[in-house]
PDB file of N, CA and C in Angstrom:
ATOM      1  N   MET A   1     -54.843 -43.511  -4.069  1.00  0.00           N
ATOM      2  CA  MET A   1     -53.777 -43.613  -3.095  1.00  0.00           C
ATOM      3  C   MET A   1     -53.956 -44.866  -2.246  1.00  0.00           C
ATOM      4  N   ASP A   2     -55.136 -45.031  -1.655  1.00  0.00           N
ATOM      5  CA  ASP A   2     -55.429 -46.193  -0.825  1.00  0.00           C
ATOM      6  C   ASP A   2     -56.891 -46.557  -1.025  1.00  0.00           C
ATOM      7  N   ASP A   3     -57.131 -47.779  -1.480  1.00  0.00           N
ATOM      8  CA  ASP A   3     -58.500 -48.206  -1.758  1.00  0.00           C
ATOM      9  C   ASP A   3     -59.362 -48.316  -0.509  1.00  0.00           C
ATOM     10  N   THR A   4     -58.763 -48.411   0.685  1.00  0.00           N
ATOM     11  CA  THR A   4     -59.550 -48.561   1.904  1.00  0.00           C
ATOM     12  C   THR A   4     -59.971 -47.224   2.501  1.00  0.00           C
ATOM     13  N   SER A   5     -59.364 -46.140   2.073  1.00  0.00           N
ATOM     14  CA  SER A   5     -59.695 -44.819   2.589  1.00  0.00           C
ATOM     15  C   SER A   5     -60.717 -44.150   1.680  1.00  0.00           C
ATOM     16  N   GLN A   6     -61.711 -43.534   2.294  1.00  0.00           N
ATOM     17  CA  GLN A   6     -62.687 -42.796   1.508  1.00  0.00           C
ATOM     18  C   GLN A   6     -62.162 -41.423   1.127  1.00  0.00           C
ATOM     19  N   ILE A   7     -61.157 -40.950   1.830  1.00  0.00           N
ATOM     20  CA  ILE A   7     -60.566 -39.647   1.542  1.00  0.00           C
ATOM     21  C   ILE A   7     -59.326 -39.874   0.694  1.00  0.00           C
ATOM     22  N   GLN A   8     -59.308 -39.227  -0.457  1.00  0.00           N
ATOM     23  CA  GLN A   8     -58.181 -39.343  -1.380  1.00  0.00           C
ATOM     24  C   GLN A   8     -57.553 -37.962  -1.564  1.00  0.00           C
ATOM     25  N   PRO A   9     -56.398 -37.723  -0.930  1.00  0.00           N
ATOM     26  CA  PRO A   9     -55.759 -36.428  -1.138  1.00  0.00           C
ATOM     27  C   PRO A   9     -55.434 -36.221  -2.616  1.00  0.00           C
ATOM     28  N   PRO A  10     -55.561 -34.996  -3.101  1.00  0.00           N
ATOM     29  CA  PRO A  10     -55.225 -34.744  -4.507  1.00  0.00           C
ATOM     30  C   PRO A  10     -53.724 -34.950  -4.724  1.00  0.00           C
ATOM     31  N   PRO A  11     -53.338 -35.248  -5.947  1.00  0.00           N
ATOM     32  CA  PRO A  11     -51.910 -35.446  -6.242  1.00  0.00           C
ATOM     33  C   PRO A  11     -51.043 -34.268  -5.809  1.00  0.00           C
ATOM     34  N   SER A  12     -51.562 -33.042  -5.927  1.00  0.00           N
ATOM     35  CA  SER A  12     -50.767 -31.864  -5.542  1.00  0.00           C
ATOM     36  C   SER A  12     -50.392 -31.908  -4.064  1.00  0.00           C
ATOM     37  N   PHE A  13     -51.254 -32.490  -3.239  1.00  0.00           N
ATOM     38  CA  PHE A  13     -50.938 -32.607  -1.809  1.00  0.00           C
ATOM     39  C   PHE A  13     -50.049 -33.816  -1.560  1.00  0.00           C
ATOM     40  N   ALA A  14     -50.393 -34.944  -2.142  1.00  0.00           N
ATOM     41  CA  ALA A  14     -49.593 -36.164  -1.938  1.00  0.00           C
ATOM     42  C   ALA A  14     -48.152 -35.947  -2.370  1.00  0.00           C
ATOM     43  N   ASP A  15     -47.945 -35.115  -3.394  1.00  0.00           N
ATOM     44  CA  ASP A  15     -46.591 -34.846  -3.883  1.00  0.00           C
ATOM     45  C   ASP A  15     -45.709 -34.197  -2.819  1.00  0.00           C
ATOM     46  N   LEU A  16     -46.320 -33.530  -1.828  1.00  0.00           N
ATOM     47  CA  LEU A  16     -45.543 -32.933  -0.740  1.00  0.00           C
ATOM     48  C   LEU A  16     -44.817 -34.002   0.066  1.00  0.00           C
ATOM     49  N   PHE A  17     -45.304 -35.234  -0.014  1.00  0.00           N
ATOM     50  CA  PHE A  17     -44.762 -36.333   0.774  1.00  0.00           C
ATOM     51  C   PHE A  17     -44.039 -37.369  -0.079  1.00  0.00           C
ATOM     52  N   ARG A  18     -43.727 -37.031  -1.298  1.00  0.00           N
ATOM     53  CA  ARG A  18     -43.033 -37.969  -2.186  1.00  0.00           C
ATOM     54  C   ARG A  18     -41.540 -37.677  -2.212  1.00  0.00           C
ATOM     55  N   THR A  19     -40.776 -38.758  -2.230  1.00  0.00           N
ATOM     56  CA  THR A  19     -39.333 -38.642  -2.388  1.00  0.00           C
ATOM     57  C   THR A  19     -39.034 -38.471  -3.875  1.00  0.00           C
ATOM     58  N   ARG A  20     -37.794 -38.256  -4.196  1.00  0.00           N
ATOM     59  CA  ARG A  20     -37.416 -38.114  -5.604  1.00  0.00           C
ATOM     60  C   ARG A  20     -37.730 -39.374  -6.399  1.00  0.00           C
ATOM     61  N   SER A  21     -37.694 -40.521  -5.738  1.00  0.00           N
ATOM     62  CA  SER A  21     -37.997 -41.775  -6.434  1.00  0.00           C
ATOM     63  C   SER A  21     -39.497 -42.000  -6.593  1.00  0.00           C
ATOM     64  N   GLY A  22     -40.318 -41.115  -6.026  1.00  0.00           N
ATOM     65  CA  GLY A  22     -41.765 -41.216  -6.182  1.00  0.00           C
ATOM     66  C   GLY A  22     -42.479 -41.951  -5.063  1.00  0.00           C
ATOM     67  N   LYS A  23     -41.732 -42.441  -4.083  1.00  0.00           N
ATOM     68  CA  LYS A  23     -42.353 -43.144  -2.958  1.00  0.00           C
ATOM     69  C   LYS A  23     -42.777 -42.145  -1.893  1.00  0.00           C
ATOM     70  N   LEU A  24     -43.815 -42.518  -1.143  1.00  0.00           N
ATOM     71  CA  LEU A  24     -44.267 -41.664  -0.050  1.00  0.00           C
ATOM     72  C   LEU A  24     -43.258 -41.702   1.092  1.00  0.00           C
ATOM     73  N   SER A  25     -42.989 -40.541   1.673  1.00  0.00           N
ATOM     74  CA  SER A  25     -42.069 -40.455   2.806  1.00  0.00           C
ATOM     75  C   SER A  25     -42.799 -40.612   4.136  1.00  0.00           C
ATOM     76  N   ALA A  26     -44.107 -40.776   4.088  1.00  0.00           N
ATOM     77  CA  ALA A  26     -44.950 -40.959   5.274  1.00  0.00           C
ATOM     78  C   ALA A  26     -45.983 -42.022   4.942  1.00  0.00           C
ATOM     79  N   SER A  27     -46.607 -42.555   5.972  1.00  0.00           N
ATOM     80  CA  SER A  27     -47.643 -43.565   5.735  1.00  0.00           C
ATOM     81  C   SER A  27     -48.847 -42.918   5.050  1.00  0.00           C
ATOM     82  N   ILE A  28     -49.613 -43.730   4.372  1.00  0.00           N
ATOM     83  CA  ILE A  28     -50.823 -43.229   3.713  1.00  0.00           C
ATOM     84  C   ILE A  28     -51.757 -42.596   4.737  1.00  0.00           C
ATOM     85  N   GLY A  29     -51.862 -43.239   5.892  1.00  0.00           N
ATOM     86  CA  GLY A  29     -52.713 -42.700   6.952  1.00  0.00           C
ATOM     87  C   GLY A  29     -52.276 -41.314   7.394  1.00  0.00           C
ATOM     88  N   GLU A  30     -50.973 -41.117   7.512  1.00  0.00           N
ATOM     89  CA  GLU A  30     -50.461 -39.811   7.919  1.00  0.00           C
ATOM     90  C   GLU A  30     -50.707 -38.767   6.838  1.00  0.00           C
ATOM     91  N   VAL A  31     -50.520 -39.133   5.579  1.00  0.00           N
ATOM     92  CA  VAL A  31     -50.766 -38.197   4.477  1.00  0.00           C
ATOM     93  C   VAL A  31     -52.239 -37.785   4.470  1.00  0.00           C
ATOM     94  N   VAL A  32     -53.133 -38.742   4.642  1.00  0.00           N
ATOM     95  CA  VAL A  32     -54.565 -38.433   4.681  1.00  0.00           C
ATOM     96  C   VAL A  32     -54.879 -37.515   5.862  1.00  0.00           C
ATOM     97  N   GLN A  33     -54.292 -37.806   7.019  1.00  0.00           N
ATOM     98  CA  GLN A  33     -54.524 -36.984   8.208  1.00  0.00           C
ATOM     99  C   GLN A  33     -54.024 -35.552   7.980  1.00  0.00           C
ATOM    100  N   ARG A  34     -52.836 -35.403   7.407  1.00  0.00           N
ATOM    101  CA  ARG A  34     -52.289 -34.075   7.132  1.00  0.00           C
ATOM    102  C   ARG A  34     -53.148 -33.346   6.096  1.00  0.00           C
ATOM    103  N   TYR A  35     -53.621 -34.085   5.085  1.00  0.00           N
ATOM    104  CA  TYR A  35     -54.485 -33.483   4.069  1.00  0.00           C
ATOM    105  C   TYR A  35     -55.771 -32.942   4.710  1.00  0.00           C
ATOM    106  N   GLU A  36     -56.385 -33.733   5.571  1.00  0.00           N
ATOM    107  CA  GLU A  36     -57.617 -33.282   6.223  1.00  0.00           C
ATOM    108  C   GLU A  36     -57.371 -31.993   7.007  1.00  0.00           C
ATOM    109  N   LEU A  37     -56.256 -31.932   7.732  1.00  0.00           N
ATOM    110  CA  LEU A  37     -55.923 -30.728   8.491  1.00  0.00           C
ATOM    111  C   LEU A  37     -55.746 -29.532   7.551  1.00  0.00           C
ATOM    112  N   CYS A  38     -54.964 -29.714   6.492  1.00  0.00           N
ATOM    113  CA  CYS A  38     -54.676 -28.618   5.578  1.00  0.00           C
ATOM    114  C   CYS A  38     -55.918 -28.166   4.808  1.00  0.00           C
ATOM    115  N   GLU A  39     -56.737 -29.101   4.380  1.00  0.00           N
ATOM    116  CA  GLU A  39     -57.978 -28.742   3.680  1.00  0.00           C
ATOM    117  C   GLU A  39     -58.919 -27.997   4.623  1.00  0.00           C
ATOM    118  N   ASP A  40     -59.021 -28.460   5.867  1.00  0.00           N
ATOM    119  CA  ASP A  40     -59.863 -27.769   6.852  1.00  0.00           C
ATOM    120  C   ASP A  40     -59.362 -26.346   7.096  1.00  0.00           C
ATOM    121  N   LEU A  41     -58.043 -26.188   7.228  1.00  0.00           N
ATOM    122  CA  LEU A  41     -57.484 -24.850   7.426  1.00  0.00           C
ATOM    123  C   LEU A  41     -57.776 -23.955   6.230  1.00  0.00           C
ATOM    124  N   ALA A  42     -57.586 -24.472   5.031  1.00  0.00           N
ATOM    125  CA  ALA A  42     -57.848 -23.682   3.825  1.00  0.00           C
ATOM    126  C   ALA A  42     -59.302 -23.218   3.792  1.00  0.00           C
ATOM    127  N   CYS A  43     -60.214 -24.124   4.071  1.00  0.00           N
ATOM    128  CA  CYS A  43     -61.642 -23.770   4.054  1.00  0.00           C
ATOM    129  C   CYS A  43     -61.972 -22.757   5.142  1.00  0.00           C
ATOM    130  N   HIS A  44     -61.429 -22.968   6.317  1.00  0.00           N
ATOM    131  CA  HIS A  44     -61.702 -22.069   7.444  1.00  0.00           C
ATOM    132  C   HIS A  44     -61.123 -20.682   7.208  1.00  0.00           C
ATOM    133  N   LEU A  45     -59.921 -20.628   6.666  1.00  0.00           N
ATOM    134  CA  LEU A  45     -59.246 -19.338   6.499  1.00  0.00           C
ATOM    135  C   LEU A  45     -59.787 -18.517   5.333  1.00  0.00           C
ATOM    136  N   THR A  46     -60.554 -19.122   4.444  1.00  0.00           N
ATOM    137  CA  THR A  46     -61.106 -18.339   3.333  1.00  0.00           C
ATOM    138  C   THR A  46     -62.031 -17.236   3.845  1.00  0.00           C
ATOM    139  N   GLU A  47     -62.794 -17.529   4.883  1.00  0.00           N
ATOM    140  CA  GLU A  47     -63.689 -16.518   5.442  1.00  0.00           C
ATOM    141  C   GLU A  47     -62.886 -15.350   6.018  1.00  0.00           C
ATOM    142  N   GLN A  48     -61.807 -15.676   6.732  1.00  0.00           N
ATOM    143  CA  GLN A  48     -60.948 -14.617   7.274  1.00  0.00           C
ATOM    144  C   GLN A  48     -60.322 -13.804   6.150  1.00  0.00           C
ATOM    145  N   ALA A  49     -59.894 -14.481   5.105  1.00  0.00           N
ATOM    146  CA  ALA A  49     -59.276 -13.791   3.972  1.00  0.00           C
ATOM    147  C   ALA A  49     -60.265 -12.831   3.320  1.00  0.00           C
ATOM    148  N   GLN A  50     -61.488 -13.276   3.130  1.00  0.00           N
ATOM    149  CA  GLN A  50     -62.504 -12.399   2.540  1.00  0.00           C
ATOM    150  C   GLN A  50     -62.760 -11.185   3.427  1.00  0.00           C
ATOM    151  N   THR A  51     -62.815 -11.390   4.728  1.00  0.00           N
ATOM    152  CA  THR A  51     -63.040 -10.290   5.657  1.00  0.00           C
ATOM    153  C   THR A  51     -61.907  -9.274   5.571  1.00  0.00           C
ATOM    154  N   LEU A  52     -60.665  -9.774   5.558  1.00  0.00           N
ATOM    155  CA  LEU A  52     -59.515  -8.876   5.445  1.00  0.00           C
ATOM    156  C   LEU A  52     -59.552  -8.102   4.125  1.00  0.00           C
ATOM    157  N   TYR A  53     -59.856  -8.790   3.061  1.00  0.00           N
ATOM    158  CA  TYR A  53     -59.895  -8.149   1.747  1.00  0.00           C
ATOM    159  C   TYR A  53     -60.987  -7.079   1.683  1.00  0.00           C
ATOM    160  N   HIS A  54     -62.164  -7.414   2.171  1.00  0.00           N
ATOM    161  CA  HIS A  54     -63.293  -6.483   2.082  1.00  0.00           C
ATOM    162  C   HIS A  54     -63.190  -5.326   3.071  1.00  0.00           C
ATOM    163  N   SER A  55     -62.252  -5.429   4.012  1.00  0.00           N
ATOM    164  CA  SER A  55     -62.043  -4.292   4.916  1.00  0.00           C
ATOM    165  C   SER A  55     -61.303  -3.163   4.194  1.00  0.00           C
ATOM    166  N   GLY A  56     -60.792  -3.479   2.986  1.00  0.00           N
ATOM    167  CA  GLY A  56     -60.175  -2.463   2.149  1.00  0.00           C
ATOM    168  C   GLY A  56     -58.733  -2.145   2.455  1.00  0.00           C
ATOM    169  N   ASN A  57     -58.126  -2.870   3.361  1.00  0.00           N
ATOM    170  CA  ASN A  57     -56.752  -2.573   3.752  1.00  0.00           C
ATOM    171  C   ASN A  57     -55.702  -3.326   2.949  1.00  0.00           C
ATOM    172  N   SER A  58     -56.121  -4.346   2.209  1.00  0.00           N
ATOM    173  CA  SER A  58     -55.160  -5.182   1.506  1.00  0.00           C
ATOM    174  C   SER A  58     -55.715  -5.661   0.177  1.00  0.00           C
ATOM    175  N   SER A  59     -54.788  -5.962  -0.725  1.00  0.00           N
ATOM    176  CA  SER A  59     -55.184  -6.583  -1.987  1.00  0.00           C
ATOM    177  C   SER A  59     -55.338  -8.084  -1.752  1.00  0.00           C
ATOM    178  N   GLU A  60     -55.895  -8.781  -2.729  1.00  0.00           N
ATOM    179  CA  GLU A  60     -56.019 -10.231  -2.630  1.00  0.00           C
ATOM    180  C   GLU A  60     -54.646 -10.857  -2.396  1.00  0.00           C
ATOM    181  N   GLU A  61     -53.670 -10.403  -3.168  1.00  0.00           N
ATOM    182  CA  GLU A  61     -52.322 -10.949  -3.042  1.00  0.00           C
ATOM    183  C   GLU A  61     -51.751 -10.700  -1.648  1.00  0.00           C
ATOM    184  N   GLN A  62     -51.912  -9.493  -1.127  1.00  0.00           N
ATOM    185  CA  GLN A  62     -51.393  -9.172   0.203  1.00  0.00           C
ATOM    186  C   GLN A  62     -52.056 -10.021   1.275  1.00  0.00           C
ATOM    187  N   VAL A  63     -53.352 -10.248   1.146  1.00  0.00           N
ATOM    188  CA  VAL A  63     -54.063 -11.087   2.107  1.00  0.00           C
ATOM    189  C   VAL A  63     -53.481 -12.497   2.094  1.00  0.00           C
ATOM    190  N   LEU A  64     -53.333 -13.072   0.906  1.00  0.00           N
ATOM    191  CA  LEU A  64     -52.817 -14.444   0.813  1.00  0.00           C
ATOM    192  C   LEU A  64     -51.365 -14.535   1.267  1.00  0.00           C
ATOM    193  N   LEU A  65     -50.549 -13.538   0.934  1.00  0.00           N
ATOM    194  CA  LEU A  65     -49.161 -13.553   1.388  1.00  0.00           C
ATOM    195  C   LEU A  65     -49.074 -13.431   2.913  1.00  0.00           C
ATOM    196  N   GLY A  66     -49.945 -12.631   3.492  1.00  0.00           N
ATOM    197  CA  GLY A  66     -49.987 -12.521   4.955  1.00  0.00           C
ATOM    198  C   GLY A  66     -50.407 -13.826   5.606  1.00  0.00           C
ATOM    199  N   MET A  67     -51.395 -14.476   5.014  1.00  0.00           N
ATOM    200  CA  MET A  67     -51.831 -15.776   5.527  1.00  0.00           C
ATOM    201  C   MET A  67     -50.681 -16.785   5.437  1.00  0.00           C
ATOM    202  N   HIS A  68     -49.971 -16.753   4.318  1.00  0.00           N
ATOM    203  CA  HIS A  68     -48.841 -17.669   4.139  1.00  0.00           C
ATOM    204  C   HIS A  68     -47.763 -17.420   5.195  1.00  0.00           C
ATOM    205  N   ALA A  69     -47.460 -16.158   5.443  1.00  0.00           N
ATOM    206  CA  ALA A  69     -46.438 -15.828   6.442  1.00  0.00           C
ATOM    207  C   ALA A  69     -46.816 -16.391   7.809  1.00  0.00           C
ATOM    208  N   GLY A  70     -48.070 -16.270   8.172  1.00  0.00           N
ATOM    209  CA  GLY A  70     -48.523 -16.809   9.448  1.00  0.00           C
ATOM    210  C   GLY A  70     -48.471 -18.329   9.491  1.00  0.00           C
ATOM    211  N   LEU A  71     -48.900 -18.957   8.412  1.00  0.00           N
ATOM    212  CA  LEU A  71     -48.913 -20.422   8.364  1.00  0.00           C
ATOM    213  C   LEU A  71     -47.506 -21.011   8.319  1.00  0.00           C
ATOM    214  N   ALA A  72     -46.558 -20.306   7.704  1.00  0.00           N
ATOM    215  CA  ALA A  72     -45.203 -20.825   7.539  1.00  0.00           C
ATOM    216  C   ALA A  72     -44.269 -20.425   8.687  1.00  0.00           C
ATOM    217  N   ALA A  73     -44.767 -19.669   9.647  1.00  0.00           N
ATOM    218  CA  ALA A  73     -43.931 -19.192  10.748  1.00  0.00           C
ATOM    219  C   ALA A  73     -43.475 -20.343  11.650  1.00  0.00           C
ATOM    220  N   ASP A  74     -42.372 -20.104  12.353  1.00  0.00           N
ATOM    221  CA  ASP A  74     -41.893 -21.090  13.328  1.00  0.00           C
ATOM    222  C   ASP A  74     -43.000 -21.391  14.333  1.00  0.00           C
ATOM    223  N   GLY A  75     -43.130 -22.652  14.680  1.00  0.00           N
ATOM    224  CA  GLY A  75     -44.140 -23.060  15.647  1.00  0.00           C
ATOM    225  C   GLY A  75     -45.491 -23.363  15.036  1.00  0.00           C
ATOM    226  N   SER A  76     -45.619 -23.224  13.734  1.00  0.00           N
ATOM    227  CA  SER A  76     -46.889 -23.515  13.057  1.00  0.00           C
ATOM    228  C   SER A  76     -47.171 -25.015  13.114  1.00  0.00           C
ATOM    229  N   VAL A  77     -48.441 -25.359  13.037  1.00  0.00           N
ATOM    230  CA  VAL A  77     -48.828 -26.774  13.033  1.00  0.00           C
ATOM    231  C   VAL A  77     -48.656 -27.407  11.662  1.00  0.00           C
ATOM    232  N   VAL A  78     -48.308 -26.595  10.660  1.00  0.00           N
ATOM    233  CA  VAL A  78     -48.091 -27.125   9.309  1.00  0.00           C
ATOM    234  C   VAL A  78     -46.668 -26.818   8.863  1.00  0.00           C
ATOM    235  N   SER A  79     -46.168 -27.623   7.953  1.00  0.00           N
ATOM    236  CA  SER A  79     -44.833 -27.412   7.399  1.00  0.00           C
ATOM    237  C   SER A  79     -44.876 -26.258   6.402  1.00  0.00           C
ATOM    238  N   PRO A  80     -43.727 -25.703   6.052  1.00  0.00           N
ATOM    239  CA  PRO A  80     -43.715 -24.644   5.036  1.00  0.00           C
ATOM    240  C   PRO A  80     -44.335 -25.093   3.704  1.00  0.00           C
ATOM    241  N   ALA A  81     -44.082 -26.329   3.304  1.00  0.00           N
ATOM    242  CA  ALA A  81     -44.669 -26.837   2.056  1.00  0.00           C
ATOM    243  C   ALA A  81     -46.190 -26.939   2.181  1.00  0.00           C
ATOM    244  N   GLU A  82     -46.662 -27.392   3.336  1.00  0.00           N
ATOM    245  CA  GLU A  82     -48.107 -27.458   3.559  1.00  0.00           C
ATOM    246  C   GLU A  82     -48.708 -26.056   3.586  1.00  0.00           C
ATOM    247  N   ALA A  83     -48.001 -25.094   4.164  1.00  0.00           N
ATOM    248  CA  ALA A  83     -48.479 -23.707   4.194  1.00  0.00           C
ATOM    249  C   ALA A  83     -48.675 -23.180   2.773  1.00  0.00           C
ATOM    250  N   SER A  84     -47.728 -23.484   1.906  1.00  0.00           N
ATOM    251  CA  SER A  84     -47.859 -23.056   0.513  1.00  0.00           C
ATOM    252  C   SER A  84     -49.056 -23.721  -0.153  1.00  0.00           C
ATOM    253  N   TRP A  85     -49.248 -25.007   0.101  1.00  0.00           N
ATOM    254  CA  TRP A  85     -50.387 -25.727  -0.480  1.00  0.00           C
ATOM    255  C   TRP A  85     -51.694 -25.114   0.011  1.00  0.00           C
ATOM    256  N   ILE A  86     -51.767 -24.802   1.295  1.00  0.00           N
ATOM    257  CA  ILE A  86     -52.987 -24.222   1.874  1.00  0.00           C
ATOM    258  C   ILE A  86     -53.321 -22.900   1.186  1.00  0.00           C
ATOM    259  N   VAL A  87     -52.323 -22.060   0.990  1.00  0.00           N
ATOM    260  CA  VAL A  87     -52.569 -20.757   0.364  1.00  0.00           C
ATOM    261  C   VAL A  87     -52.978 -20.934  -1.097  1.00  0.00           C
ATOM    262  N   GLN A  88     -52.357 -21.865  -1.790  1.00  0.00           N
ATOM    263  CA  GLN A  88     -52.775 -22.150  -3.170  1.00  0.00           C
ATOM    264  C   GLN A  88     -54.224 -22.631  -3.194  1.00  0.00           C
ATOM    265  N   ARG A  89     -54.584 -23.476  -2.239  1.00  0.00           N
ATOM    266  CA  ARG A  89     -55.964 -23.986  -2.153  1.00  0.00           C
ATOM    267  C   ARG A  89     -56.936 -22.857  -1.815  1.00  0.00           C
ATOM    268  N   MET A  90     -56.527 -21.955  -0.925  1.00  0.00           N
ATOM    269  CA  MET A  90     -57.379 -20.819  -0.589  1.00  0.00           C
ATOM    270  C   MET A  90     -57.635 -19.962  -1.825  1.00  0.00           C
ATOM    271  N   ALA A  91     -56.596 -19.719  -2.610  1.00  0.00           N
ATOM    272  CA  ALA A  91     -56.757 -18.931  -3.833  1.00  0.00           C
ATOM    273  C   ALA A  91     -57.762 -19.608  -4.755  1.00  0.00           C
ATOM    274  N   GLU A  92     -57.672 -20.911  -4.840  1.00  0.00           N
ATOM    275  CA  GLU A  92     -58.614 -21.663  -5.678  1.00  0.00           C
ATOM    276  C   GLU A  92     -60.038 -21.523  -5.150  1.00  0.00           C
ATOM    277  N   LEU A  93     -60.214 -21.688  -3.853  1.00  0.00           N
ATOM    278  CA  LEU A  93     -61.551 -21.594  -3.251  1.00  0.00           C
ATOM    279  C   LEU A  93     -62.138 -20.191  -3.387  1.00  0.00           C
ATOM    280  N   LEU A  94     -61.279 -19.191  -3.255  1.00  0.00           N
ATOM    281  CA  LEU A  94     -61.725 -17.793  -3.338  1.00  0.00           C
ATOM    282  C   LEU A  94     -61.843 -17.294  -4.772  1.00  0.00           C
ATOM    283  N   GLU A  95     -61.327 -18.086  -5.714  1.00  0.00           N
ATOM    284  CA  GLU A  95     -61.260 -17.686  -7.115  1.00  0.00           C
ATOM    285  C   GLU A  95     -60.423 -16.423  -7.278  1.00  0.00           C
ATOM    286  N   TRP A  96     -59.312 -16.385  -6.541  1.00  0.00           N
ATOM    287  CA  TRP A  96     -58.337 -15.317  -6.626  1.00  0.00           C
ATOM    288  C   TRP A  96     -57.103 -15.849  -7.342  1.00  0.00           C
ATOM    289  N   ARG A  97     -56.321 -14.960  -7.875  1.00  0.00           N
ATOM    290  CA  ARG A  97     -55.046 -15.357  -8.486  1.00  0.00           C
ATOM    291  C   ARG A  97     -54.095 -15.788  -7.361  1.00  0.00           C
ATOM    292  N   ALA A  98     -53.473 -16.929  -7.542  1.00  0.00           N
ATOM    293  CA  ALA A  98     -52.512 -17.412  -6.541  1.00  0.00           C
ATOM    294  C   ALA A  98     -51.255 -16.538  -6.578  1.00  0.00           C
ATOM    295  N   PRO A  99     -50.791 -16.109  -5.409  1.00  0.00           N
ATOM    296  CA  PRO A  99     -49.609 -15.248  -5.382  1.00  0.00           C
ATOM    297  C   PRO A  99     -48.330 -16.062  -5.593  1.00  0.00           C
ATOM    298  N   GLN A 100     -47.268 -15.360  -5.957  1.00  0.00           N
ATOM    299  CA  GLN A 100     -45.949 -15.983  -6.017  1.00  0.00           C
ATOM    300  C   GLN A 100     -45.459 -16.107  -4.578  1.00  0.00           C
ATOM    301  N   LEU A 101     -45.319 -17.338  -4.103  1.00  0.00           N
ATOM    302  CA  LEU A 101     -44.929 -17.580  -2.719  1.00  0.00           C
ATOM    303  C   LEU A 101     -43.432 -17.817  -2.619  1.00  0.00           C
ATOM    304  N   PRO A 102     -42.860 -17.511  -1.453  1.00  0.00           N
ATOM    305  CA  PRO A 102     -41.446 -17.825  -1.262  1.00  0.00           C
ATOM    306  C   PRO A 102     -41.260 -19.345  -1.348  1.00  0.00           C
ATOM    307  N   ALA A 103     -40.111 -19.774  -1.821  1.00  0.00           N
ATOM    308  CA  ALA A 103     -39.837 -21.209  -1.932  1.00  0.00           C
ATOM    309  C   ALA A 103     -39.847 -21.838  -0.548  1.00  0.00           C
ATOM    310  N   ALA A 104     -40.465 -23.007  -0.452  1.00  0.00           N
ATOM    311  CA  ALA A 104     -40.487 -23.740   0.822  1.00  0.00           C
ATOM    312  C   ALA A 104     -39.096 -24.266   1.098  1.00  0.00           C
ATOM    313  N   ILE A 105     -38.661 -24.097   2.323  1.00  0.00           N
ATOM    314  CA  ILE A 105     -37.343 -24.584   2.733  1.00  0.00           C
ATOM    315  C   ILE A 105     -37.479 -26.053   3.099  1.00  0.00           C
ATOM    316  N   SER A 106     -36.597 -26.870   2.589  1.00  0.00           N
ATOM    317  CA  SER A 106     -36.634 -28.301   2.895  1.00  0.00           C
ATOM    318  C   SER A 106     -36.477 -28.517   4.385  1.00  0.00           C
ATOM    319  N   GLU A 107     -37.267 -29.451   4.881  1.00  0.00           N
ATOM    320  CA  GLU A 107     -37.224 -29.720   6.322  1.00  0.00           C
ATOM    321  C   GLU A 107     -36.182 -30.763   6.632  1.00  0.00           C
TER     322      GLU A 107
END
């Protein structure tokens, strides 16, 4: 993405900021900053997800869908598309099946 940055967001994240023509809709610096936030949230929330799951009240899917609902709610620090990416990343980190998420509404 940028040879001067040591942090390279994965294509799945960078695609959240691409227009139909393939150009970034935000600066590289902003994409990297958003990626760092979303990756940090995914890593941090995995512990909460495991705790919720092991409490026996929810399935893996229910835990991830609940996390998504919270992340995608009005007033969240992340966009709906970023919320979906975070939950997909959490599923990957937890080695859980990724749930079918509601479609992200265009901003």
